[in-house]
Amino acid sequence: MYLKNAELSLHLAEDCMVNQLRPYIWVVVISYYSMFYIANAVLLELGYKIGDKIVHKVTSDALIVLIMDKIRKGLLEEYEDAKEDALDIASVKSEEIISFYSMEMQKRSKFQYDMTESIQEAKARTSLRRARGFMLEMKKLLPEFTS
């Protein structure tokens, strides 16, 4: 269910962006929820079910504690040819991927309607780009996408 909701949310955010549906806050919200759902799919795969209390914060903390190292290891394997730089690159990249979730969680809760439409659109595009990258990395941690 989480995976289905994640993919549906990402596709919906992409459709909203392509069709320039306004207000752009919905691209931000839907992009964030695609990340929330895929993160919970990965956590569930690892045997962790997030409860009903402060689920967004718990998911964020669980990503840092339980998932960041797995992403780092996967990226090290991908960057095997660049052995000298692989550890630094993987550390920075894994932290960046996990930080996407927190950034989008904060943006979703703080998005202001008095921004100009062009700023809202730019923020929506950033949210969608981050959601795509986050989804790509999270899927690598799910068995149905690693075989």
Protein backbone atom coordinates (compact mmCIF):
# COMPACT_ATOMS: atom_id res chain seq x y z
CA MET A 1 0.00 0.00 0.00
CA TYR A 2 2.81 2.42 0.87
CA LEU A 3 4.60 1.76 -2.40
CA LYS A 4 1.40 2.16 -4.41
CA ASN A 5 0.63 5.46 -2.62
CA ALA A 6 4.21 6.67 -3.15
CA GLU A 7 4.14 6.03 -6.89
CA LEU A 8 0.63 7.45 -7.25
CA SER A 9 1.63 10.58 -5.34
CA LEU A 10 4.75 11.12 -7.44
CA HIS A 11 2.83 10.70 -10.70
CA LEU A 12 0.13 13.07 -9.48
CA ALA A 13 2.73 15.69 -8.51
CA GLU A 14 4.34 15.34 -11.95
CA ASP A 15 0.96 15.73 -13.65
CA CYS A 16 0.16 18.82 -11.58
CA MET A 17 3.51 20.37 -12.52
CA VAL A 18 3.21 19.53 -16.23
CA ASN A 19 -0.32 20.93 -16.36
CA GLN A 20 0.67 23.94 -14.25
CA LEU A 21 -2.14 23.37 -11.77
CA ARG A 22 -2.24 26.05 -9.13
CA PRO A 23 -1.71 26.72 -6.34
CA TYR A 24 1.74 25.13 -6.46
CA ILE A 25 1.52 24.24 -2.77
CA TRP A 26 -0.15 21.00 -3.90
CA VAL A 27 2.91 19.95 -5.91
CA VAL A 28 4.97 20.51 -2.75
CA VAL A 29 2.51 18.58 -0.56
CA ILE A 30 2.05 15.69 -2.97
CA SER A 31 5.80 15.43 -3.63
CA TYR A 32 6.44 15.30 0.09
CA TYR A 33 3.83 12.58 0.56
CA SER A 34 5.43 10.46 -2.17
CA MET A 35 8.61 10.61 -0.08
CA PHE A 36 6.72 9.89 3.14
CA TYR A 37 5.05 6.79 1.67
CA ILE A 38 8.19 5.32 0.07
CA ALA A 39 10.15 5.94 3.28
CA ASN A 40 7.53 4.04 5.23
CA ALA A 41 7.56 1.24 2.64
CA VAL A 42 11.30 0.82 3.19
CA LEU A 43 10.96 1.00 6.97
CA LEU A 44 8.20 -1.61 6.87
CA GLU A 45 10.40 -3.84 4.69
CA LEU A 46 13.03 -3.60 7.43
CA GLY A 47 10.44 -4.63 10.03
CA TYR A 48 9.56 -1.21 11.43
CA LYS A 49 5.98 0.07 11.46
CA ILE A 50 5.60 3.74 12.29
CA GLY A 51 2.85 4.33 14.86
CA ASP A 52 0.07 6.89 14.90
CA LYS A 53 1.78 9.61 16.94
CA ILE A 54 3.97 12.27 15.30
CA VAL A 55 4.40 9.97 12.29
CA HIS A 56 6.20 12.49 10.10
CA LYS A 57 8.87 13.26 12.71
CA VAL A 58 9.28 9.58 13.61
CA THR A 59 9.69 8.73 9.92
CA SER A 60 12.31 11.48 9.57
CA ASP A 61 14.26 10.24 12.58
CA ALA A 62 13.99 6.61 11.46
CA LEU A 63 15.44 7.53 8.06
CA ILE A 64 18.50 9.01 9.74
CA VAL A 65 18.99 6.14 12.19
CA LEU A 66 18.00 3.14 10.06
CA ILE A 67 18.27 4.04 6.37
CA MET A 68 21.11 6.51 5.80
CA ASP A 69 23.82 3.87 6.27
CA LYS A 70 22.07 1.50 3.85
CA ILE A 71 21.97 4.24 1.20
CA ARG A 72 25.64 5.00 1.85
CA LYS A 73 26.59 1.34 1.32
CA GLY A 74 24.51 1.14 -1.87
CA LEU A 75 26.09 4.29 -3.23
CA LEU A 76 29.56 2.96 -2.44
CA GLU A 77 28.80 -0.06 -4.58
CA GLU A 78 27.55 2.18 -7.39
CA TYR A 79 30.65 4.37 -7.18
CA GLU A 80 33.09 1.46 -7.03
CA ASP A 81 35.11 2.81 -9.97
CA ALA A 82 35.88 6.00 -8.07
CA LYS A 83 37.30 4.21 -5.03
CA GLU A 84 39.29 7.11 -3.58
CA ASP A 85 36.33 9.50 -3.63
CA ALA A 86 33.56 6.96 -3.10
CA LEU A 87 33.34 7.24 0.68
CA ASP A 88 33.17 11.03 0.64
CA ILE A 89 30.72 11.09 -2.24
CA ALA A 90 28.51 8.39 -0.71
CA SER A 91 28.47 10.11 2.69
CA VAL A 92 27.54 13.48 1.24
CA LYS A 93 24.98 11.98 -1.16
CA SER A 94 23.30 9.78 1.48
CA GLU A 95 23.04 12.73 3.87
CA GLU A 96 21.62 14.86 1.06
CA ILE A 97 19.02 12.24 0.15
CA ILE A 98 17.88 11.89 3.76
CA SER A 99 17.87 15.68 4.19
CA PHE A 100 15.45 15.94 1.24
CA TYR A 101 12.77 14.41 3.44
CA SER A 102 13.28 16.92 6.26
CA MET A 103 13.47 19.86 3.88
CA GLU A 104 10.22 18.89 2.20
CA MET A 105 8.51 18.17 5.52
CA GLN A 106 9.44 21.68 6.68
CA LYS A 107 8.49 23.30 3.37
CA ARG A 108 5.13 21.58 3.37
CA SER A 109 4.36 22.91 6.83
CA LYS A 110 5.74 26.44 6.23
CA PHE A 111 4.75 27.15 2.63
CA GLN A 112 3.47 30.72 2.46
CA TYR A 113 0.76 31.80 0.08
CA ASP A 114 2.02 35.37 -0.13
CA MET A 115 5.03 34.30 -2.22
CA THR A 116 4.97 35.29 -5.83
CA GLU A 117 3.71 32.61 -8.17
CA SER A 118 7.13 32.26 -9.81
CA ILE A 119 8.74 31.54 -6.42
CA GLN A 120 6.00 29.04 -5.62
CA GLU A 121 6.57 27.35 -8.98
CA ALA A 122 10.34 27.17 -8.42
CA LYS A 123 9.84 25.64 -4.97
CA ALA A 124 7.35 23.16 -6.42
CA ARG A 125 9.86 22.12 -9.09
CA THR A 126 12.52 21.62 -6.41
CA SER A 127 10.10 19.49 -4.37
CA LEU A 128 9.32 17.32 -7.36
CA ARG A 129 13.02 16.88 -8.24
CA ARG A 130 13.83 15.89 -4.67
CA ALA A 131 10.90 13.47 -4.53
CA ARG A 132 12.08 11.76 -7.72
CA GLY A 133 15.62 11.35 -6.38
CA PHE A 134 14.38 10.18 -3.00
CA MET A 135 12.03 7.64 -4.61
CA LEU A 136 14.86 6.29 -6.80
CA GLU A 137 17.16 5.71 -3.83
CA MET A 138 14.46 4.27 -1.57
CA LYS A 139 13.37 1.77 -4.24
CA LYS A 140 16.91 0.38 -4.26
CA LEU A 141 16.27 -0.75 -0.68
CA LEU A 142 13.15 -2.74 -1.62
CA PRO A 143 13.58 -6.37 -2.79
CA GLU A 144 11.15 -6.06 -5.72
CA PHE A 145 13.39 -3.40 -7.28
CA THR A 146 16.79 -4.96 -6.57
CA SER A 147 16.46 -8.21 -8.49
